[in-house]
């Protein structure tokens, strides 16, 4: 038997239909009645009539007409967050049990990743698209996620379907899939630093460093380790971009600490070599992150498998 709470909810929802929610959602983003009408394939009077109904339901003006368009009220800002979430879950409910067909799908997948990961994955996905998914679009977006705590806000703010992150610790999160562990070392010109697989501590500390990392917002793992050992290094530059490093390091007495997967992108075709560090540091955990609200999306699951295939063979195993 329905509870009084459920009866009250049904009574309230009975006054609202999905069309009204779509008008609110679109007007909040467009800020103009005409643009909202065009986007929803409605007439402007129909949008105005819907807005009148919404104002009555919420007992608030919702949008104030100004020279710059329809300005949302404070109440509107609060309502939008709830409506956006509701429409999202409604869309997910519609597609939850629908099989994903890569050959006929016209979806655009937003993939957040760093510069070097882009160079690693983008060629594979584009070649796959040409052969198997002629109507799917992969949208590669720069996204820096260094801590699991910030992943949800980044993914939702950028509306990402998948983010590929390089994390210090293995997260205990159901929406994370480990792809591989990425050892940390450094690259340098083998003509100047030799063919041995490990750099000595003396050389490591005496040589200026160009730090290659997208984790500039956190204290460096290497800096923390050296501090623990009671020594310091000299970093003359920090960058998250791979391409300049390939032009700076050859023929220069410089070291660039980076992960092995970065080195696999940078070193081929150059005189650069990946060296092990003269001390122990834990490898990065490289994996996939996604919005828990999309966990049962068959398209996202297909994309996760595809990116996993793109990461084979794992760095350092080929």
C-alpha atoms as a PDB file:
ATOM      1  CA  UNK A   1       0.000   0.000   0.000  1.00  0.00           C
ATOM      2  CA  UNK A   2       1.500   3.410  -0.995  1.00  0.00           C
ATOM      3  CA  UNK A   3       2.677   5.549   1.890  1.00  0.00           C
ATOM      4  CA  UNK A   4       1.461   9.098   2.498  1.00  0.00           C
ATOM      5  CA  UNK A   5       4.901  10.303   1.366  1.00  0.00           C
ATOM      6  CA  UNK A   6       4.547   8.479  -1.953  1.00  0.00           C
ATOM      7  CA  UNK A   7       1.023   9.831  -2.446  1.00  0.00           C
ATOM      8  CA  UNK A   8       2.282  13.364  -1.858  1.00  0.00           C
ATOM      9  CA  UNK A   9       5.131  12.827  -4.325  1.00  0.00           C
ATOM     10  CA  UNK A  10       2.747  11.457  -6.964  1.00  0.00           C
ATOM     11  CA  UNK A  11       0.459  14.431  -6.440  1.00  0.00           C
ATOM     12  CA  UNK A  12       3.319  16.850  -7.011  1.00  0.00           C
ATOM     13  CA  UNK A  13       4.768  15.039 -10.002  1.00  0.00           C
ATOM     14  CA  UNK A  14       1.340  14.799 -11.598  1.00  0.00           C
ATOM     15  CA  UNK A  15       1.514  18.560 -12.191  1.00  0.00           C
ATOM     16  CA  UNK A  16       4.818  18.297 -14.054  1.00  0.00           C
ATOM     17  CA  UNK A  17       5.600  16.556 -17.309  1.00  0.00           C
ATOM     18  CA  UNK A  18       8.893  15.851 -19.012  1.00  0.00           C
ATOM     19  CA  UNK A  19       8.327  18.621 -21.561  1.00  0.00           C
ATOM     20  CA  UNK A  20       8.299  21.240 -18.808  1.00  0.00           C
ATOM     21  CA  UNK A  21      11.574  19.875 -17.416  1.00  0.00           C
ATOM     22  CA  UNK A  22      13.155  20.010 -20.880  1.00  0.00           C
ATOM     23  CA  UNK A  23      12.027  23.616 -21.338  1.00  0.00           C
ATOM     24  CA  UNK A  24      13.562  24.576 -17.992  1.00  0.00           C
ATOM     25  CA  UNK A  25      16.784  22.636 -18.693  1.00  0.00           C
ATOM     26  CA  UNK A  26      17.209  24.201 -22.152  1.00  0.00           C
ATOM     27  CA  UNK A  27      16.253  27.739 -21.164  1.00  0.00           C
ATOM     28  CA  UNK A  28      18.699  27.605 -18.253  1.00  0.00           C
ATOM     29  CA  UNK A  29      21.497  26.937 -20.752  1.00  0.00           C
ATOM     30  CA  UNK A  30      20.371  29.044 -23.706  1.00  0.00           C
ATOM     31  CA  UNK A  31      19.125  32.062 -21.680  1.00  0.00           C
ATOM     32  CA  UNK A  32      16.877  33.104 -24.592  1.00  0.00           C
ATOM     33  CA  UNK A  33      13.271  32.093 -25.340  1.00  0.00           C
ATOM     34  CA  UNK A  34      13.757  32.027 -29.120  1.00  0.00           C
ATOM     35  CA  UNK A  35      16.906  29.890 -28.959  1.00  0.00           C
ATOM     36  CA  UNK A  36      15.202  27.551 -26.517  1.00  0.00           C
ATOM     37  CA  UNK A  37      12.194  27.228 -28.835  1.00  0.00           C
ATOM     38  CA  UNK A  38      14.434  26.493 -31.828  1.00  0.00           C
ATOM     39  CA  UNK A  39      16.416  23.865 -29.946  1.00  0.00           C
ATOM     40  CA  UNK A  40      13.265  22.071 -28.774  1.00  0.00           C
ATOM     41  CA  UNK A  41      11.424  22.531 -32.104  1.00  0.00           C
ATOM     42  CA  UNK A  42       8.683  24.506 -30.360  1.00  0.00           C
ATOM     43  CA  UNK A  43       7.121  27.899 -30.974  1.00  0.00           C
ATOM     44  CA  UNK A  44       8.189  30.805 -28.770  1.00  0.00           C
ATOM     45  CA  UNK A  45       4.636  31.192 -27.371  1.00  0.00           C
ATOM     46  CA  UNK A  46       4.752  27.503 -26.354  1.00  0.00           C
ATOM     47  CA  UNK A  47       8.008  28.082 -24.460  1.00  0.00           C
ATOM     48  CA  UNK A  48       6.565  31.194 -22.798  1.00  0.00           C
ATOM     49  CA  UNK A  49       3.476  29.210 -21.762  1.00  0.00           C
ATOM     50  CA  UNK A  50       5.673  26.457 -20.287  1.00  0.00           C
ATOM     51  CA  UNK A  51       7.693  29.037 -18.365  1.00  0.00           C
ATOM     52  CA  UNK A  52       4.456  30.454 -16.942  1.00  0.00           C
ATOM     53  CA  UNK A  53       3.502  26.981 -15.705  1.00  0.00           C
ATOM     54  CA  UNK A  54       6.942  26.430 -14.191  1.00  0.00           C
ATOM     55  CA  UNK A  55       6.771  29.756 -12.338  1.00  0.00           C
ATOM     56  CA  UNK A  56       3.438  28.717 -10.844  1.00  0.00           C
ATOM     57  CA  UNK A  57       4.682  25.256  -9.838  1.00  0.00           C
ATOM     58  CA  UNK A  58       7.856  26.521  -8.162  1.00  0.00           C
ATOM     59  CA  UNK A  59       6.320  29.775  -6.894  1.00  0.00           C
ATOM     60  CA  UNK A  60       9.292  31.724  -8.214  1.00  0.00           C
ATOM     61  CA  UNK A  61      10.062  33.981 -11.172  1.00  0.00           C
ATOM     62  CA  UNK A  62      12.838  31.503 -12.201  1.00  0.00           C
ATOM     63  CA  UNK A  63      14.143  33.676 -15.066  1.00  0.00           C
ATOM     64  CA  UNK A  64      14.372  37.483 -15.153  1.00  0.00           C
ATOM     65  CA  UNK A  65      14.367  39.204 -18.552  1.00  0.00           C
ATOM     66  CA  UNK A  66      17.473  41.399 -19.003  1.00  0.00           C
ATOM     67  CA  UNK A  67      19.396  42.959 -21.883  1.00  0.00           C
ATOM     68  CA  UNK A  68      21.659  39.898 -21.873  1.00  0.00           C
ATOM     69  CA  UNK A  69      18.818  37.398 -21.937  1.00  0.00           C
ATOM     70  CA  UNK A  70      16.850  35.465 -19.333  1.00  0.00           C
ATOM     71  CA  UNK A  71      18.824  35.577 -16.087  1.00  0.00           C
ATOM     72  CA  UNK A  72      18.215  32.619 -13.704  1.00  0.00           C
ATOM     73  CA  UNK A  73      17.169  33.396 -10.151  1.00  0.00           C
ATOM     74  CA  UNK A  74      18.896  31.782  -7.141  1.00  0.00           C
ATOM     75  CA  UNK A  75      16.007  29.295  -6.994  1.00  0.00           C
ATOM     76  CA  UNK A  76      16.642  28.400 -10.636  1.00  0.00           C
ATOM     77  CA  UNK A  77      20.261  27.524  -9.900  1.00  0.00           C
ATOM     78  CA  UNK A  78      19.137  25.106  -7.203  1.00  0.00           C
ATOM     79  CA  UNK A  79      16.425  23.568  -9.369  1.00  0.00           C
ATOM     80  CA  UNK A  80      18.738  23.075 -12.344  1.00  0.00           C
ATOM     81  CA  UNK A  81      21.087  20.829 -10.400  1.00  0.00           C
ATOM     82  CA  UNK A  82      18.206  18.512  -9.501  1.00  0.00           C
ATOM     83  CA  UNK A  83      16.639  18.557 -12.972  1.00  0.00           C
ATOM     84  CA  UNK A  84      19.960  17.891 -14.696  1.00  0.00           C
ATOM     85  CA  UNK A  85      20.519  14.886 -12.452  1.00  0.00           C
ATOM     86  CA  UNK A  86      16.981  13.644 -13.008  1.00  0.00           C
ATOM     87  CA  UNK A  87      17.192  13.903 -16.800  1.00  0.00           C
ATOM     88  CA  UNK A  88      20.548  12.132 -16.718  1.00  0.00           C
ATOM     89  CA  UNK A  89      19.150   9.182 -14.771  1.00  0.00           C
ATOM     90  CA  UNK A  90      16.081   9.093 -17.010  1.00  0.00           C
ATOM     91  CA  UNK A  91      18.305   8.864 -20.105  1.00  0.00           C
ATOM     92  CA  UNK A  92      20.375   6.106 -18.460  1.00  0.00           C
ATOM     93  CA  UNK A  93      17.187   4.168 -17.633  1.00  0.00           C
ATOM     94  CA  UNK A  94      16.139   4.300 -21.284  1.00  0.00           C
ATOM     95  CA  UNK A  95      19.465   2.896 -22.520  1.00  0.00           C
ATOM     96  CA  UNK A  96      20.393   0.623 -19.595  1.00  0.00           C
ATOM     97  CA  UNK A  97      19.378  -2.679 -21.173  1.00  0.00           C
ATOM     98  CA  UNK A  98      19.943  -1.680 -24.771  1.00  0.00           C
ATOM     99  CA  UNK A  99      22.724  -3.548 -26.549  1.00  0.00           C
ATOM    100  CA  UNK A 100      25.483  -1.423 -28.015  1.00  0.00           C
ATOM    101  CA  UNK A 101      26.211  -1.944 -31.725  1.00  0.00           C
ATOM    102  CA  UNK A 102      29.496  -0.333 -32.736  1.00  0.00           C
ATOM    103  CA  UNK A 103      28.670  -0.685 -36.426  1.00  0.00           C
ATOM    104  CA  UNK A 104      25.465   1.367 -36.324  1.00  0.00           C
ATOM    105  CA  UNK A 105      25.967   3.635 -33.296  1.00  0.00           C
ATOM    106  CA  UNK A 106      26.289   7.389 -33.895  1.00  0.00           C
ATOM    107  CA  UNK A 107      27.479   8.247 -30.371  1.00  0.00           C
ATOM    108  CA  UNK A 108      30.261  10.678 -29.560  1.00  0.00           C
ATOM    109  CA  UNK A 109      32.471   9.426 -26.739  1.00  0.00           C
ATOM    110  CA  UNK A 110      34.358  11.985 -24.673  1.00  0.00           C
ATOM    111  CA  UNK A 111      37.702  10.632 -23.466  1.00  0.00           C
ATOM    112  CA  UNK A 112      39.745  12.610 -20.937  1.00  0.00           C
ATOM    113  CA  UNK A 113      43.467  11.942 -20.906  1.00  0.00           C
ATOM    114  CA  UNK A 114      46.931  13.495 -20.734  1.00  0.00           C
ATOM    115  CA  UNK A 115      49.218  14.496 -23.592  1.00  0.00           C
ATOM    116  CA  UNK A 116      51.348  11.352 -23.709  1.00  0.00           C
ATOM    117  CA  UNK A 117      48.353   9.023 -23.269  1.00  0.00           C
ATOM    118  CA  UNK A 118      46.687  10.765 -26.174  1.00  0.00           C
ATOM    119  CA  UNK A 119      49.652   9.892 -28.381  1.00  0.00           C
ATOM    120  CA  UNK A 120      49.481   6.313 -27.152  1.00  0.00           C
ATOM    121  CA  UNK A 121      45.757   5.706 -27.617  1.00  0.00           C
ATOM    122  CA  UNK A 122      44.489   8.087 -30.302  1.00  0.00           C
ATOM    123  CA  UNK A 123      46.071   6.315 -33.324  1.00  0.00           C
ATOM    124  CA  UNK A 124      44.598   2.961 -32.261  1.00  0.00           C
ATOM    125  CA  UNK A 125      41.065   4.299 -31.752  1.00  0.00           C
ATOM    126  CA  UNK A 126      41.072   6.266 -35.002  1.00  0.00           C
ATOM    127  CA  UNK A 127      42.216   3.212 -36.986  1.00  0.00           C
ATOM    128  CA  UNK A 128      39.536   1.157 -35.240  1.00  0.00           C
ATOM    129  CA  UNK A 129      36.920   3.762 -36.142  1.00  0.00           C
ATOM    130  CA  UNK A 130      37.883   3.718 -39.822  1.00  0.00           C
ATOM    131  CA  UNK A 131      37.501  -0.069 -39.961  1.00  0.00           C
ATOM    132  CA  UNK A 132      34.689  -0.894 -37.536  1.00  0.00           C
ATOM    133  CA  UNK A 133      32.803   2.185 -36.278  1.00  0.00           C
ATOM    134  CA  UNK A 134      32.180   4.543 -39.221  1.00  0.00           C
ATOM    135  CA  UNK A 135      29.573   6.643 -37.395  1.00  0.00           C
ATOM    136  CA  UNK A 136      31.145   6.890 -33.921  1.00  0.00           C
ATOM    137  CA  UNK A 137      33.217   9.941 -32.958  1.00  0.00           C
ATOM    138  CA  UNK A 138      35.995   9.832 -30.344  1.00  0.00           C
ATOM    139  CA  UNK A 139      36.468  13.237 -28.737  1.00  0.00           C
ATOM    140  CA  UNK A 140      39.897  13.400 -27.031  1.00  0.00           C
ATOM    141  CA  UNK A 141      40.002  16.056 -24.313  1.00  0.00           C
ATOM    142  CA  UNK A 142      42.917  17.128 -22.067  1.00  0.00           C
ATOM    143  CA  UNK A 143      42.134  16.067 -18.512  1.00  0.00           C
ATOM    144  CA  UNK A 144      44.506  15.946 -15.561  1.00  0.00           C
ATOM    145  CA  UNK A 145      43.495  13.656 -12.724  1.00  0.00           C
ATOM    146  CA  UNK A 146      46.271  13.057 -10.200  1.00  0.00           C
ATOM    147  CA  UNK A 147      44.126  11.984  -7.241  1.00  0.00           C
ATOM    148  CA  UNK A 148      41.107   9.717  -7.050  1.00  0.00           C
ATOM    149  CA  UNK A 149      39.384  12.271  -4.789  1.00  0.00           C
ATOM    150  CA  UNK A 150      39.171  14.792  -7.635  1.00  0.00           C
ATOM    151  CA  UNK A 151      38.150  12.342 -10.372  1.00  0.00           C
ATOM    152  CA  UNK A 152      34.380  12.559  -9.933  1.00  0.00           C
ATOM    153  CA  UNK A 153      34.264  16.360 -10.109  1.00  0.00           C
ATOM    154  CA  UNK A 154      36.535  16.457 -13.195  1.00  0.00           C
ATOM    155  CA  UNK A 155      34.593  13.734 -15.018  1.00  0.00           C
ATOM    156  CA  UNK A 156      31.229  15.363 -14.339  1.00  0.00           C
ATOM    157  CA  UNK A 157      32.381  18.925 -15.008  1.00  0.00           C
ATOM    158  CA  UNK A 158      33.798  17.886 -18.408  1.00  0.00           C
ATOM    159  CA  UNK A 159      30.948  15.429 -19.074  1.00  0.00           C
ATOM    160  CA  UNK A 160      33.485  12.686 -19.801  1.00  0.00           C
ATOM    161  CA  UNK A 161      32.503   9.135 -20.687  1.00  0.00           C
ATOM    162  CA  UNK A 162      35.923   7.785 -19.719  1.00  0.00           C
ATOM    163  CA  UNK A 163      39.029   9.291 -18.108  1.00  0.00           C
ATOM    164  CA  UNK A 164      42.440   7.654 -18.265  1.00  0.00           C
ATOM    165  CA  UNK A 165      44.407   8.504 -15.143  1.00  0.00           C
ATOM    166  CA  UNK A 166      47.903   7.935 -13.787  1.00  0.00           C
ATOM    167  CA  UNK A 167      47.506   7.569 -10.014  1.00  0.00           C
ATOM    168  CA  UNK A 168      49.963   7.181  -7.166  1.00  0.00           C
ATOM    169  CA  UNK A 169      47.815   4.696  -5.241  1.00  0.00           C
ATOM    170  CA  UNK A 170      45.456   1.956  -6.370  1.00  0.00           C
ATOM    171  CA  UNK A 171      41.984   3.306  -5.542  1.00  0.00           C
ATOM    172  CA  UNK A 172      39.372   1.180  -3.827  1.00  0.00           C
ATOM    173  CA  UNK A 173      36.700   2.365  -6.204  1.00  0.00           C
ATOM    174  CA  UNK A 174      34.180   0.305  -8.149  1.00  0.00           C
ATOM    175  CA  UNK A 175      34.437   2.704 -11.086  1.00  0.00           C
ATOM    176  CA  UNK A 176      38.166   2.204 -11.626  1.00  0.00           C
ATOM    177  CA  UNK A 177      39.750  -0.431 -13.845  1.00  0.00           C
ATOM    178  CA  UNK A 178      43.507  -0.976 -13.602  1.00  0.00           C
ATOM    179  CA  UNK A 179      45.191  -1.220 -16.995  1.00  0.00           C
ATOM    180  CA  UNK A 180      48.816  -1.566 -15.921  1.00  0.00           C
ATOM    181  CA  UNK A 181      51.451  -0.433 -13.434  1.00  0.00           C
ATOM    182  CA  UNK A 182      53.810   2.175 -14.873  1.00  0.00           C
ATOM    183  CA  UNK A 183      57.392   2.156 -13.463  1.00  0.00           C
ATOM    184  CA  UNK A 184      59.054   5.519 -12.853  1.00  0.00           C
ATOM    185  CA  UNK A 185      62.536   6.182 -14.226  1.00  0.00           C
ATOM    186  CA  UNK A 186      64.193   8.825 -16.374  1.00  0.00           C
ATOM    187  CA  UNK A 187      65.238   9.371 -19.980  1.00  0.00           C
ATOM    188  CA  UNK A 188      68.465  10.854 -21.322  1.00  0.00           C
ATOM    189  CA  UNK A 189      70.749  10.739 -24.350  1.00  0.00           C
ATOM    190  CA  UNK A 190      72.434   7.306 -24.360  1.00  0.00           C
ATOM    191  CA  UNK A 191      75.433   8.778 -26.230  1.00  0.00           C
ATOM    192  CA  UNK A 192      76.143  10.918 -23.169  1.00  0.00           C
ATOM    193  CA  UNK A 193      74.883   8.702 -20.346  1.00  0.00           C
ATOM    194  CA  UNK A 194      75.783   5.242 -21.641  1.00  0.00           C
ATOM    195  CA  UNK A 195      73.984   1.992 -22.348  1.00  0.00           C
ATOM    196  CA  UNK A 196      73.597   0.724 -18.774  1.00  0.00           C
ATOM    197  CA  UNK A 197      69.971   0.255 -17.702  1.00  0.00           C
ATOM    198  CA  UNK A 198      70.318   2.208 -14.450  1.00  0.00           C
ATOM    199  CA  UNK A 199      71.549   5.738 -13.807  1.00  0.00           C
ATOM    200  CA  UNK A 200      73.867   6.189 -10.803  1.00  0.00           C
ATOM    201  CA  UNK A 201      72.856   8.299  -7.810  1.00  0.00           C
ATOM    202  CA  UNK A 202      75.865  10.564  -8.354  1.00  0.00           C
ATOM    203  CA  UNK A 203      74.883  11.311 -11.943  1.00  0.00           C
ATOM    204  CA  UNK A 204      71.189  11.611 -11.069  1.00  0.00           C
ATOM    205  CA  UNK A 205      71.847  14.320  -8.463  1.00  0.00           C
ATOM    206  CA  UNK A 206      74.542  16.170 -10.440  1.00  0.00           C
ATOM    207  CA  UNK A 207      72.541  16.473 -13.695  1.00  0.00           C
ATOM    208  CA  UNK A 208      69.843  19.142 -14.195  1.00  0.00           C
ATOM    209  CA  UNK A 209      66.318  17.734 -14.618  1.00  0.00           C
ATOM    210  CA  UNK A 210      63.452  18.531 -16.978  1.00  0.00           C
ATOM    211  CA  UNK A 211      60.497  17.042 -15.104  1.00  0.00           C
ATOM    212  CA  UNK A 212      57.905  15.499 -17.395  1.00  0.00           C
ATOM    213  CA  UNK A 213      54.645  15.029 -15.525  1.00  0.00           C
ATOM    214  CA  UNK A 214      51.009  16.102 -15.574  1.00  0.00           C
ATOM    215  CA  UNK A 215      51.062  15.971 -11.766  1.00  0.00           C
ATOM    216  CA  UNK A 216      52.468  19.457 -11.224  1.00  0.00           C
ATOM    217  CA  UNK A 217      49.677  20.140  -8.759  1.00  0.00           C
ATOM    218  CA  UNK A 218      51.178  17.635  -6.306  1.00  0.00           C
ATOM    219  CA  UNK A 219      54.598  17.314  -4.659  1.00  0.00           C
ATOM    220  CA  UNK A 220      56.747  15.132  -6.892  1.00  0.00           C
ATOM    221  CA  UNK A 221      57.119  11.494  -5.852  1.00  0.00           C
ATOM    222  CA  UNK A 222      60.843  11.710  -6.645  1.00  0.00           C
ATOM    223  CA  UNK A 223      61.307  14.946  -4.692  1.00  0.00           C
ATOM    224  CA  UNK A 224      59.606  13.362  -1.676  1.00  0.00           C
ATOM    225  CA  UNK A 225      61.831  10.299  -1.939  1.00  0.00           C
ATOM    226  CA  UNK A 226      65.014  12.378  -2.206  1.00  0.00           C
ATOM    227  CA  UNK A 227      63.942  14.462   0.780  1.00  0.00           C
ATOM    228  CA  UNK A 228      63.528  11.245   2.756  1.00  0.00           C
ATOM    229  CA  UNK A 229      67.055  10.254   1.704  1.00  0.00           C
ATOM    230  CA  UNK A 230      68.396  13.666   2.750  1.00  0.00           C
ATOM    231  CA  UNK A 231      69.473  14.821  -0.731  1.00  0.00           C
ATOM    232  CA  UNK A 232      68.145  17.238  -3.360  1.00  0.00           C
ATOM    233  CA  UNK A 233      68.111  17.561  -7.126  1.00  0.00           C
ATOM    234  CA  UNK A 234      68.061  20.496  -9.554  1.00  0.00           C
ATOM    235  CA  UNK A 235      64.913  20.827 -11.673  1.00  0.00           C
ATOM    236  CA  UNK A 236      65.306  23.530 -14.319  1.00  0.00           C
ATOM    237  CA  UNK A 237      61.900  22.980 -15.975  1.00  0.00           C
ATOM    238  CA  UNK A 238      58.571  21.210 -15.485  1.00  0.00           C
ATOM    239  CA  UNK A 239      56.207  20.337 -18.314  1.00  0.00           C
ATOM    240  CA  UNK A 240      53.270  18.076 -19.096  1.00  0.00           C
ATOM    241  CA  UNK A 241      53.927  18.168 -22.851  1.00  0.00           C
ATOM    242  CA  UNK A 242      55.886  15.382 -24.511  1.00  0.00           C
ATOM    243  CA  UNK A 243      56.923  16.961 -27.822  1.00  0.00           C
ATOM    244  CA  UNK A 244      59.297  19.699 -26.508  1.00  0.00           C
ATOM    245  CA  UNK A 245      61.220  17.099 -24.486  1.00  0.00           C
ATOM    246  CA  UNK A 246      62.120  15.181 -27.643  1.00  0.00           C
ATOM    247  CA  UNK A 247      63.774  18.325 -28.989  1.00  0.00           C
ATOM    248  CA  UNK A 248      65.532  19.385 -25.781  1.00  0.00           C
ATOM    249  CA  UNK A 249      67.103  16.173 -24.470  1.00  0.00           C
ATOM    250  CA  UNK A 250      69.135  14.838 -27.424  1.00  0.00           C
ATOM    251  CA  UNK A 251      72.801  15.936 -27.217  1.00  0.00           C
ATOM    252  CA  UNK A 252      72.147  17.671 -23.877  1.00  0.00           C
ATOM    253  CA  UNK A 253      73.392  16.771 -20.401  1.00  0.00           C
ATOM    254  CA  UNK A 254      69.875  16.667 -19.025  1.00  0.00           C
ATOM    255  CA  UNK A 255      67.712  14.034 -17.391  1.00  0.00           C
ATOM    256  CA  UNK A 256      63.943  13.864 -17.627  1.00  0.00           C
ATOM    257  CA  UNK A 257      62.250  11.782 -14.920  1.00  0.00           C
ATOM    258  CA  UNK A 258      59.106  10.187 -16.318  1.00  0.00           C
ATOM    259  CA  UNK A 259      57.155   6.950 -16.423  1.00  0.00           C
ATOM    260  CA  UNK A 260      58.049   4.010 -18.641  1.00  0.00           C
ATOM    261  CA  UNK A 261      54.930   4.476 -20.768  1.00  0.00           C
ATOM    262  CA  UNK A 262      55.955   8.084 -21.456  1.00  0.00           C
ATOM    263  CA  UNK A 263      59.404   6.858 -22.466  1.00  0.00           C
ATOM    264  CA  UNK A 264      57.805   4.353 -24.854  1.00  0.00           C
ATOM    265  CA  UNK A 265      56.226   7.302 -26.668  1.00  0.00           C
ATOM    266  CA  UNK A 266      59.282   9.586 -26.604  1.00  0.00           C
ATOM    267  CA  UNK A 267      62.342   7.392 -27.204  1.00  0.00           C
ATOM    268  CA  UNK A 268      61.693   5.498 -30.478  1.00  0.00           C
ATOM    269  CA  UNK A 269      63.572   7.080 -33.379  1.00  0.00           C
ATOM    270  CA  UNK A 270      65.773   9.180 -31.089  1.00  0.00           C
ATOM    271  CA  UNK A 271      69.049   8.782 -29.188  1.00  0.00           C
ATOM    272  CA  UNK A 272      67.111   8.788 -25.913  1.00  0.00           C
ATOM    273  CA  UNK A 273      67.016   5.837 -23.521  1.00  0.00           C
ATOM    274  CA  UNK A 274      64.914   4.932 -20.473  1.00  0.00           C
ATOM    275  CA  UNK A 275      66.981   4.374 -17.305  1.00  0.00           C
ATOM    276  CA  UNK A 276      65.972   2.851 -13.978  1.00  0.00           C
ATOM    277  CA  UNK A 277      66.301   5.105 -10.950  1.00  0.00           C
ATOM    278  CA  UNK A 278      69.069   4.496  -8.370  1.00  0.00           C
ATOM    279  CA  UNK A 279      66.417   4.155  -5.634  1.00  0.00           C
ATOM    280  CA  UNK A 280      63.015   2.483  -5.212  1.00  0.00           C
ATOM    281  CA  UNK A 281      59.741   4.306  -5.893  1.00  0.00           C
ATOM    282  CA  UNK A 282      56.324   2.753  -6.364  1.00  0.00           C
ATOM    283  CA  UNK A 283      55.019   2.619  -9.936  1.00  0.00           C
ATOM    284  CA  UNK A 284      52.041   4.663 -11.071  1.00  0.00           C
ATOM    285  CA  UNK A 285      48.706   2.906 -11.420  1.00  0.00           C
ATOM    286  CA  UNK A 286      47.282   3.644 -14.872  1.00  0.00           C
ATOM    287  CA  UNK A 287      43.603   2.929 -15.294  1.00  0.00           C
ATOM    288  CA  UNK A 288      40.154   3.917 -16.438  1.00  0.00           C
ATOM    289  CA  UNK A 289      37.721   6.037 -14.444  1.00  0.00           C
ATOM    290  CA  UNK A 290      34.077   6.665 -15.248  1.00  0.00           C
ATOM    291  CA  UNK A 291      30.952   8.173 -13.741  1.00  0.00           C
ATOM    292  CA  UNK A 292      29.206   5.684 -11.459  1.00  0.00           C
ATOM    293  CA  UNK A 293      25.913   6.839 -12.972  1.00  0.00           C
ATOM    294  CA  UNK A 294      27.051   5.335 -16.299  1.00  0.00           C
ATOM    295  CA  UNK A 295      28.230   2.058 -14.834  1.00  0.00           C
ATOM    296  CA  UNK A 296      25.593  -0.024 -16.652  1.00  0.00           C
ATOM    297  CA  UNK A 297      25.873   1.846 -19.955  1.00  0.00           C
ATOM    298  CA  UNK A 298      26.683  -0.806 -22.583  1.00  0.00           C
ATOM    299  CA  UNK A 299      28.441   1.778 -24.754  1.00  0.00           C
ATOM    300  CA  UNK A 300      30.788   2.751 -21.918  1.00  0.00           C
ATOM    301  CA  UNK A 301      31.546  -0.908 -21.239  1.00  0.00           C
ATOM    302  CA  UNK A 302      32.387  -1.401 -24.916  1.00  0.00           C
ATOM    303  CA  UNK A 303      34.674   1.658 -24.789  1.00  0.00           C
ATOM    304  CA  UNK A 304      36.462   0.318 -21.705  1.00  0.00           C
ATOM    305  CA  UNK A 305      37.224  -2.954 -23.496  1.00  0.00           C
ATOM    306  CA  UNK A 306      38.412  -1.103 -26.589  1.00  0.00           C
ATOM    307  CA  UNK A 307      40.801   1.136 -24.631  1.00  0.00           C
ATOM    308  CA  UNK A 308      42.074  -1.931 -22.785  1.00  0.00           C
ATOM    309  CA  UNK A 309      42.883  -3.476 -26.167  1.00  0.00           C
ATOM    310  CA  UNK A 310      44.616  -0.253 -27.205  1.00  0.00           C
ATOM    311  CA  UNK A 311      46.935  -0.589 -24.201  1.00  0.00           C
ATOM    312  CA  UNK A 312      48.185  -4.020 -25.345  1.00  0.00           C
ATOM    313  CA  UNK A 313      51.012  -4.827 -25.137  1.00  0.00           C
ATOM    314  CA  UNK A 314      51.593  -3.070 -21.821  1.00  0.00           C
ATOM    315  CA  UNK A 315      54.505  -0.599 -21.742  1.00  0.00           C
ATOM    316  CA  UNK A 316      57.785  -2.401 -21.238  1.00  0.00           C
ATOM    317  CA  UNK A 317      56.461  -5.824 -22.319  1.00  0.00           C
ATOM    318  CA  UNK A 318      56.811  -5.556 -26.086  1.00  0.00           C
END
